[in-house]
Amino acid sequence: MARYREAVCRLCRRENTKLFLKGDRCITSKCALERRAYAPGQHGQRRSKVTEYGIQLREKQKTRRIYGVLERQFRKIFHNAERTKGITGEVFIQLLERRLDNAVYRLGFASNRIQGRQIVAHRHVMVNGRPVNIPSFVVKKGDVIEVAPKSKANKHFVSMMEKRANVAPPHWLSLTAGELKGQVIDDPKAADVGLPVREQLIVEFYSK
């Protein structure tokens, strides 16, 4: 399975936005963007004129990197959104939010989406009572997401629940922390991303 293997902090610097790819580290002084708030590389501090296409490209790249999706898969999700009834931009964000690795992160079982993808791939998660090891699996309203019984005693999940004790999941998910179980109760909205994502710019980018 192809995935990004380089330093993720350079992605935040390139987009000049905290993408929270390292979880709690991103809110401390160790965050790379706090120390070097400019793009990586020898030309990172150079100022250049930004075109309309450049603005759309950066919005697309930022959103893709938030969810940790490679270009080919990202484009496929967009085309699926185009074929689905509704406003393309809103449907697109819904499909990204409803990925299983993102839902695991939103429920607090992982500190970031990268870790969420690893947890799913290692078969620590069940959907409706069945183990699912596909991070791109799309959950739907009514689905129950829970940590597999054999993994519930794992110190990682115990620690995560302690850390997230006072953090509520987004409105589209419900959580029973004591049982390490959650449920999809609604459709996610663009505001649930938690970062300023302008999905209309992505629609315009792919519509050219």
C-alpha atoms as a PDB file:
ATOM      1  CA  MET A   1       0.000   0.000   0.000  1.00  0.00           C
ATOM      2  CA  ALA A   2       1.531   3.319  -1.100  1.00  0.00           C
ATOM      3  CA  ARG A   3       1.846   6.013   1.530  1.00  0.00           C
ATOM      4  CA  TYR A   4       3.886   9.119   2.336  1.00  0.00           C
ATOM      5  CA  ARG A   5       7.072   8.097   4.157  1.00  0.00           C
ATOM      6  CA  GLU A   6       8.953  11.391   4.493  1.00  0.00           C
ATOM      7  CA  ALA A   7       8.961  13.879   7.391  1.00  0.00           C
ATOM      8  CA  VAL A   8       5.387  15.082   7.905  1.00  0.00           C
ATOM      9  CA  CYS A   9       6.342  18.385   9.561  1.00  0.00           C
ATOM     10  CA  ARG A  10       7.566  19.699   6.216  1.00  0.00           C
ATOM     11  CA  LEU A  11       3.988  19.317   4.924  1.00  0.00           C
ATOM     12  CA  CYS A  12       2.698  21.748   7.536  1.00  0.00           C
ATOM     13  CA  ARG A  13       5.474  24.167   6.666  1.00  0.00           C
ATOM     14  CA  ARG A  14       4.666  23.894   2.957  1.00  0.00           C
ATOM     15  CA  GLU A  15       1.001  24.702   3.564  1.00  0.00           C
ATOM     16  CA  ASN A  16       1.845  27.288   6.262  1.00  0.00           C
ATOM     17  CA  THR A  17      -0.851  25.718   8.423  1.00  0.00           C
ATOM     18  CA  LYS A  18      -0.807  23.274  11.316  1.00  0.00           C
ATOM     19  CA  LEU A  19      -2.255  20.059   9.896  1.00  0.00           C
ATOM     20  CA  PHE A  20      -1.914  18.226  13.244  1.00  0.00           C
ATOM     21  CA  LEU A  21      -0.165  15.273  11.637  1.00  0.00           C
ATOM     22  CA  LYS A  22       1.722  14.503  14.867  1.00  0.00           C
ATOM     23  CA  GLY A  23      -1.135  14.845  17.321  1.00  0.00           C
ATOM     24  CA  ASP A  24      -0.313  16.530  20.645  1.00  0.00           C
ATOM     25  CA  ARG A  25       3.191  17.502  19.520  1.00  0.00           C
ATOM     26  CA  CYS A  26       1.608  20.026  17.155  1.00  0.00           C
ATOM     27  CA  ILE A  27       0.278  22.136  20.035  1.00  0.00           C
ATOM     28  CA  THR A  28       3.656  22.408  21.783  1.00  0.00           C
ATOM     29  CA  SER A  29       6.741  24.528  21.119  1.00  0.00           C
ATOM     30  CA  LYS A  30       8.299  21.490  19.395  1.00  0.00           C
ATOM     31  CA  CYS A  31       6.029  22.036  16.390  1.00  0.00           C
ATOM     32  CA  ALA A  32       8.176  22.718  13.315  1.00  0.00           C
ATOM     33  CA  LEU A  33       5.861  25.543  12.222  1.00  0.00           C
ATOM     34  CA  GLU A  34       6.501  27.341  15.515  1.00  0.00           C
ATOM     35  CA  ARG A  35      10.257  27.246  14.901  1.00  0.00           C
ATOM     36  CA  ARG A  36      10.389  27.733  11.120  1.00  0.00           C
ATOM     37  CA  ALA A  37       7.225  29.325   9.777  1.00  0.00           C
ATOM     38  CA  TYR A  38       8.236  29.180   6.146  1.00  0.00           C
ATOM     39  CA  ALA A  39       8.202  26.564   3.391  1.00  0.00           C
ATOM     40  CA  PRO A  40      10.935  23.893   3.400  1.00  0.00           C
ATOM     41  CA  GLY A  41      13.832  23.869   0.952  1.00  0.00           C
ATOM     42  CA  GLN A  42      16.437  26.425  -0.089  1.00  0.00           C
ATOM     43  CA  HIS A  43      13.806  28.661  -1.698  1.00  0.00           C
ATOM     44  CA  GLY A  44      11.346  28.392   1.186  1.00  0.00           C
ATOM     45  CA  GLN A  45      11.653  32.021   2.253  1.00  0.00           C
ATOM     46  CA  ARG A  46      11.340  33.389  -1.265  1.00  0.00           C
ATOM     47  CA  ARG A  47       8.218  35.420  -1.970  1.00  0.00           C
ATOM     48  CA  SER A  48       6.368  34.639  -5.170  1.00  0.00           C
ATOM     49  CA  LYS A  49       3.153  35.782  -6.782  1.00  0.00           C
ATOM     50  CA  VAL A  50       0.248  33.385  -6.163  1.00  0.00           C
ATOM     51  CA  THR A  51      -2.114  32.774  -9.085  1.00  0.00           C
ATOM     52  CA  GLU A  52      -5.730  31.637  -8.950  1.00  0.00           C
ATOM     53  CA  TYR A  53      -4.589  28.163  -9.984  1.00  0.00           C
ATOM     54  CA  GLY A  54      -1.941  28.231  -7.247  1.00  0.00           C
ATOM     55  CA  ILE A  55      -4.559  29.045  -4.592  1.00  0.00           C
ATOM     56  CA  GLN A  56      -6.752  26.150  -5.747  1.00  0.00           C
ATOM     57  CA  LEU A  57      -3.768  23.797  -5.851  1.00  0.00           C
ATOM     58  CA  ARG A  58      -2.654  24.663  -2.336  1.00  0.00           C
ATOM     59  CA  GLU A  59      -6.197  24.132  -1.010  1.00  0.00           C
ATOM     60  CA  LYS A  60      -6.321  20.725  -2.674  1.00  0.00           C
ATOM     61  CA  GLN A  61      -2.884  19.763  -1.379  1.00  0.00           C
ATOM     62  CA  LYS A  62      -3.691  20.958   2.147  1.00  0.00           C
ATOM     63  CA  THR A  63      -6.894  18.916   2.328  1.00  0.00           C
ATOM     64  CA  ARG A  64      -5.227  15.849   0.831  1.00  0.00           C
ATOM     65  CA  ARG A  65      -2.455  16.037   3.396  1.00  0.00           C
ATOM     66  CA  ILE A  66      -4.859  16.528   6.307  1.00  0.00           C
ATOM     67  CA  TYR A  67      -6.433  13.169   5.527  1.00  0.00           C
ATOM     68  CA  GLY A  68      -3.201  11.470   4.472  1.00  0.00           C
ATOM     69  CA  VAL A  69      -4.526  10.432   1.069  1.00  0.00           C
ATOM     70  CA  LEU A  70      -2.364  10.130  -2.041  1.00  0.00           C
ATOM     71  CA  GLU A  71      -3.339  11.976  -5.214  1.00  0.00           C
ATOM     72  CA  ARG A  72      -4.848   9.088  -7.171  1.00  0.00           C
ATOM     73  CA  GLN A  73      -7.125   8.047  -4.326  1.00  0.00           C
ATOM     74  CA  PHE A  74      -8.010  11.668  -3.523  1.00  0.00           C
ATOM     75  CA  ARG A  75      -9.113  12.243  -7.116  1.00  0.00           C
ATOM     76  CA  LYS A  76     -11.138   9.022  -7.066  1.00  0.00           C
ATOM     77  CA  ILE A  77     -12.997  10.183  -3.939  1.00  0.00           C
ATOM     78  CA  PHE A  78     -13.754  13.492  -5.659  1.00  0.00           C
ATOM     79  CA  HIS A  79     -15.165  11.740  -8.740  1.00  0.00           C
ATOM     80  CA  ASN A  80     -17.336   9.583  -6.462  1.00  0.00           C
ATOM     81  CA  ALA A  81     -18.633  12.798  -4.862  1.00  0.00           C
ATOM     82  CA  GLU A  82     -19.438  14.191  -8.320  1.00  0.00           C
ATOM     83  CA  ARG A  83     -21.583  11.150  -9.092  1.00  0.00           C
ATOM     84  CA  THR A  84     -23.414  11.323  -5.762  1.00  0.00           C
ATOM     85  CA  LYS A  85     -26.609  13.341  -5.336  1.00  0.00           C
ATOM     86  CA  GLY A  86     -26.029  16.605  -3.482  1.00  0.00           C
ATOM     87  CA  ILE A  87     -23.569  19.499  -3.485  1.00  0.00           C
ATOM     88  CA  THR A  88     -20.267  18.078  -4.713  1.00  0.00           C
ATOM     89  CA  GLY A  89     -18.050  19.952  -2.238  1.00  0.00           C
ATOM     90  CA  GLU A  90     -20.113  18.934   0.783  1.00  0.00           C
ATOM     91  CA  VAL A  91     -20.394  15.313  -0.335  1.00  0.00           C
ATOM     92  CA  PHE A  92     -16.642  15.252  -0.938  1.00  0.00           C
ATOM     93  CA  ILE A  93     -15.872  16.355   2.624  1.00  0.00           C
ATOM     94  CA  GLN A  94     -18.392  13.819   3.941  1.00  0.00           C
ATOM     95  CA  LEU A  95     -16.653  10.985   2.099  1.00  0.00           C
ATOM     96  CA  LEU A  96     -13.281  12.037   3.502  1.00  0.00           C
ATOM     97  CA  GLU A  97     -14.624  12.354   7.049  1.00  0.00           C
ATOM     98  CA  ARG A  98     -16.362   8.980   6.859  1.00  0.00           C
ATOM     99  CA  ARG A  99     -13.147   7.094   6.118  1.00  0.00           C
ATOM    100  CA  LEU A 100     -12.579   4.537   8.868  1.00  0.00           C
ATOM    101  CA  ASP A 101      -9.089   5.785   9.760  1.00  0.00           C
ATOM    102  CA  ASN A 102     -10.521   9.286  10.249  1.00  0.00           C
ATOM    103  CA  ALA A 103     -13.467   7.991  12.320  1.00  0.00           C
ATOM    104  CA  VAL A 104     -11.027   6.110  14.576  1.00  0.00           C
ATOM    105  CA  TYR A 105      -9.099   9.352  15.070  1.00  0.00           C
ATOM    106  CA  ARG A 106     -12.282  11.353  15.689  1.00  0.00           C
ATOM    107  CA  LEU A 107     -13.405   8.884  18.352  1.00  0.00           C
ATOM    108  CA  GLY A 108     -10.109   9.339  20.191  1.00  0.00           C
ATOM    109  CA  PHE A 109      -8.730   5.856  19.592  1.00  0.00           C
ATOM    110  CA  ALA A 110      -5.701   7.421  17.839  1.00  0.00           C
ATOM    111  CA  SER A 111      -3.757  10.648  18.354  1.00  0.00           C
ATOM    112  CA  ASN A 112      -3.704  11.435  14.614  1.00  0.00           C
ATOM    113  CA  ARG A 113      -4.945  10.014  11.315  1.00  0.00           C
ATOM    114  CA  ILE A 114      -1.621   8.350  10.535  1.00  0.00           C
ATOM    115  CA  GLN A 115      -1.895   6.366  13.740  1.00  0.00           C
ATOM    116  CA  GLY A 116      -5.566   5.710  13.002  1.00  0.00           C
ATOM    117  CA  ARG A 117      -4.617   4.150   9.672  1.00  0.00           C
ATOM    118  CA  GLN A 118      -2.058   1.919  11.394  1.00  0.00           C
ATOM    119  CA  ILE A 119      -4.546   0.820  14.046  1.00  0.00           C
ATOM    120  CA  VAL A 120      -7.083  -0.168  11.397  1.00  0.00           C
ATOM    121  CA  ALA A 121      -4.488  -1.957   9.257  1.00  0.00           C
ATOM    122  CA  HIS A 122      -3.388  -4.020  12.275  1.00  0.00           C
ATOM    123  CA  ARG A 123      -6.960  -5.252  12.798  1.00  0.00           C
ATOM    124  CA  HIS A 124      -7.557  -3.507  16.126  1.00  0.00           C
ATOM    125  CA  VAL A 125     -10.930  -2.138  14.953  1.00  0.00           C
ATOM    126  CA  MET A 126     -14.308  -3.728  14.290  1.00  0.00           C
ATOM    127  CA  VAL A 127     -17.298  -2.316  12.399  1.00  0.00           C
ATOM    128  CA  ASN A 128     -20.684  -3.812  13.236  1.00  0.00           C
ATOM    129  CA  GLY A 129     -18.993  -6.701  15.006  1.00  0.00           C
ATOM    130  CA  ARG A 130     -16.639  -7.620  12.162  1.00  0.00           C
ATOM    131  CA  PRO A 131     -12.919  -6.796  11.945  1.00  0.00           C
ATOM    132  CA  VAL A 132     -12.041  -4.314   9.190  1.00  0.00           C
ATOM    133  CA  ASN A 133      -8.433  -3.672   8.185  1.00  0.00           C
ATOM    134  CA  ILE A 134      -9.045  -1.263   5.290  1.00  0.00           C
ATOM    135  CA  PRO A 135      -8.360   2.371   6.342  1.00  0.00           C
ATOM    136  CA  SER A 136     -10.331   3.741   3.361  1.00  0.00           C
ATOM    137  CA  PHE A 137     -13.471   1.819   4.357  1.00  0.00           C
ATOM    138  CA  VAL A 138     -16.371   4.307   4.386  1.00  0.00           C
ATOM    139  CA  VAL A 139     -18.656   4.089   7.406  1.00  0.00           C
ATOM    140  CA  LYS A 140     -22.321   5.070   7.197  1.00  0.00           C
ATOM    141  CA  LYS A 141     -25.043   6.225   9.531  1.00  0.00           C
ATOM    142  CA  GLY A 142     -25.859   3.519  12.085  1.00  0.00           C
ATOM    143  CA  ASP A 143     -22.479   1.761  11.910  1.00  0.00           C
ATOM    144  CA  VAL A 144     -20.902   0.780  15.234  1.00  0.00           C
ATOM    145  CA  ILE A 145     -17.137   1.231  15.458  1.00  0.00           C
ATOM    146  CA  GLU A 146     -15.287  -0.383  18.344  1.00  0.00           C
ATOM    147  CA  VAL A 147     -11.892  -1.612  19.438  1.00  0.00           C
ATOM    148  CA  ALA A 148     -11.593  -5.382  19.027  1.00  0.00           C
ATOM    149  CA  PRO A 149     -12.042  -7.323  22.303  1.00  0.00           C
ATOM    150  CA  LYS A 150      -8.495  -8.692  22.196  1.00  0.00           C
ATOM    151  CA  SER A 151      -7.132  -5.129  21.967  1.00  0.00           C
ATOM    152  CA  LYS A 152      -9.203  -3.391  24.646  1.00  0.00           C
ATOM    153  CA  ALA A 153      -6.612  -4.076  27.345  1.00  0.00           C
ATOM    154  CA  ASN A 154      -3.856  -2.597  25.176  1.00  0.00           C
ATOM    155  CA  LYS A 155      -2.170   0.226  27.097  1.00  0.00           C
ATOM    156  CA  HIS A 156      -2.384   2.498  24.038  1.00  0.00           C
ATOM    157  CA  PHE A 157      -6.189   2.569  24.046  1.00  0.00           C
ATOM    158  CA  VAL A 158      -6.360   2.912  27.829  1.00  0.00           C
ATOM    159  CA  SER A 159      -3.958   5.863  27.633  1.00  0.00           C
ATOM    160  CA  MET A 160      -5.857   7.494  24.754  1.00  0.00           C
ATOM    161  CA  MET A 161      -9.155   7.334  26.609  1.00  0.00           C
ATOM    162  CA  GLU A 162      -7.549   8.946  29.652  1.00  0.00           C
ATOM    163  CA  LYS A 163      -6.122  11.743  27.518  1.00  0.00           C
ATOM    164  CA  ARG A 164      -9.407  12.330  25.684  1.00  0.00           C
ATOM    165  CA  ALA A 165     -11.649  12.049  28.756  1.00  0.00           C
ATOM    166  CA  ASN A 166     -12.812  15.668  28.455  1.00  0.00           C
ATOM    167  CA  VAL A 167     -12.804  15.850  24.655  1.00  0.00           C
ATOM    168  CA  ALA A 168     -16.121  15.124  22.952  1.00  0.00           C
ATOM    169  CA  PRO A 169     -16.228  13.611  19.449  1.00  0.00           C
ATOM    170  CA  PRO A 170     -17.825  15.639  16.612  1.00  0.00           C
ATOM    171  CA  HIS A 171     -21.625  15.783  16.386  1.00  0.00           C
ATOM    172  CA  TRP A 172     -21.837  12.961  13.843  1.00  0.00           C
ATOM    173  CA  LEU A 173     -20.314  10.411  16.225  1.00  0.00           C
ATOM    174  CA  SER A 174     -21.309   9.155  19.668  1.00  0.00           C
ATOM    175  CA  LEU A 175     -18.802   7.568  22.034  1.00  0.00           C
ATOM    176  CA  THR A 176     -19.078   5.123  24.913  1.00  0.00           C
ATOM    177  CA  ALA A 177     -15.561   5.564  26.263  1.00  0.00           C
ATOM    178  CA  GLY A 178     -15.791   2.807  28.868  1.00  0.00           C
ATOM    179  CA  GLU A 179     -16.499   0.231  26.180  1.00  0.00           C
ATOM    180  CA  LEU A 180     -14.157   1.762  23.557  1.00  0.00           C
ATOM    181  CA  LYS A 181     -17.136   1.904  21.229  1.00  0.00           C
ATOM    182  CA  GLY A 182     -18.632   4.578  19.016  1.00  0.00           C
ATOM    183  CA  GLN A 183     -21.459   4.939  16.522  1.00  0.00           C
ATOM    184  CA  VAL A 184     -22.122   7.025  13.426  1.00  0.00           C
ATOM    185  CA  ILE A 185     -25.284   8.984  14.238  1.00  0.00           C
ATOM    186  CA  ASP A 186     -25.337  11.659  11.514  1.00  0.00           C
ATOM    187  CA  ASP A 187     -23.637  12.902   8.366  1.00  0.00           C
ATOM    188  CA  PRO A 188     -20.451  14.933   8.932  1.00  0.00           C
ATOM    189  CA  LYS A 189     -20.252  18.568   7.869  1.00  0.00           C
ATOM    190  CA  ALA A 190     -17.398  20.641   6.419  1.00  0.00           C
ATOM    191  CA  ALA A 191     -17.040  22.413   9.772  1.00  0.00           C
ATOM    192  CA  ASP A 192     -16.118  19.075  11.379  1.00  0.00           C
ATOM    193  CA  VAL A 193     -12.738  19.083   9.639  1.00  0.00           C
ATOM    194  CA  GLY A 194     -11.503  21.436  12.344  1.00  0.00           C
ATOM    195  CA  LEU A 195      -9.273  23.324   9.915  1.00  0.00           C
ATOM    196  CA  PRO A 196     -10.153  26.033   7.367  1.00  0.00           C
ATOM    197  CA  VAL A 197     -10.878  23.950   4.269  1.00  0.00           C
ATOM    198  CA  ARG A 198     -12.548  25.662   1.301  1.00  0.00           C
ATOM    199  CA  GLU A 199     -13.944  22.712  -0.584  1.00  0.00           C
ATOM    200  CA  GLN A 200     -15.289  24.916  -3.393  1.00  0.00           C
ATOM    201  CA  LEU A 201     -11.710  25.690  -4.460  1.00  0.00           C
ATOM    202  CA  ILE A 202     -11.057  21.950  -4.776  1.00  0.00           C
ATOM    203  CA  VAL A 203     -14.186  21.571  -6.916  1.00  0.00           C
ATOM    204  CA  GLU A 204     -12.940  24.381  -9.148  1.00  0.00           C
ATOM    205  CA  PHE A 205      -9.481  22.803  -9.364  1.00  0.00           C
ATOM    206  CA  TYR A 206     -10.786  19.428 -10.586  1.00  0.00           C
ATOM    207  CA  SER A 207     -13.385  21.030 -12.838  1.00  0.00           C
ATOM    208  CA  LYS A 208     -10.815  22.640 -15.134  1.00  0.00           C
END
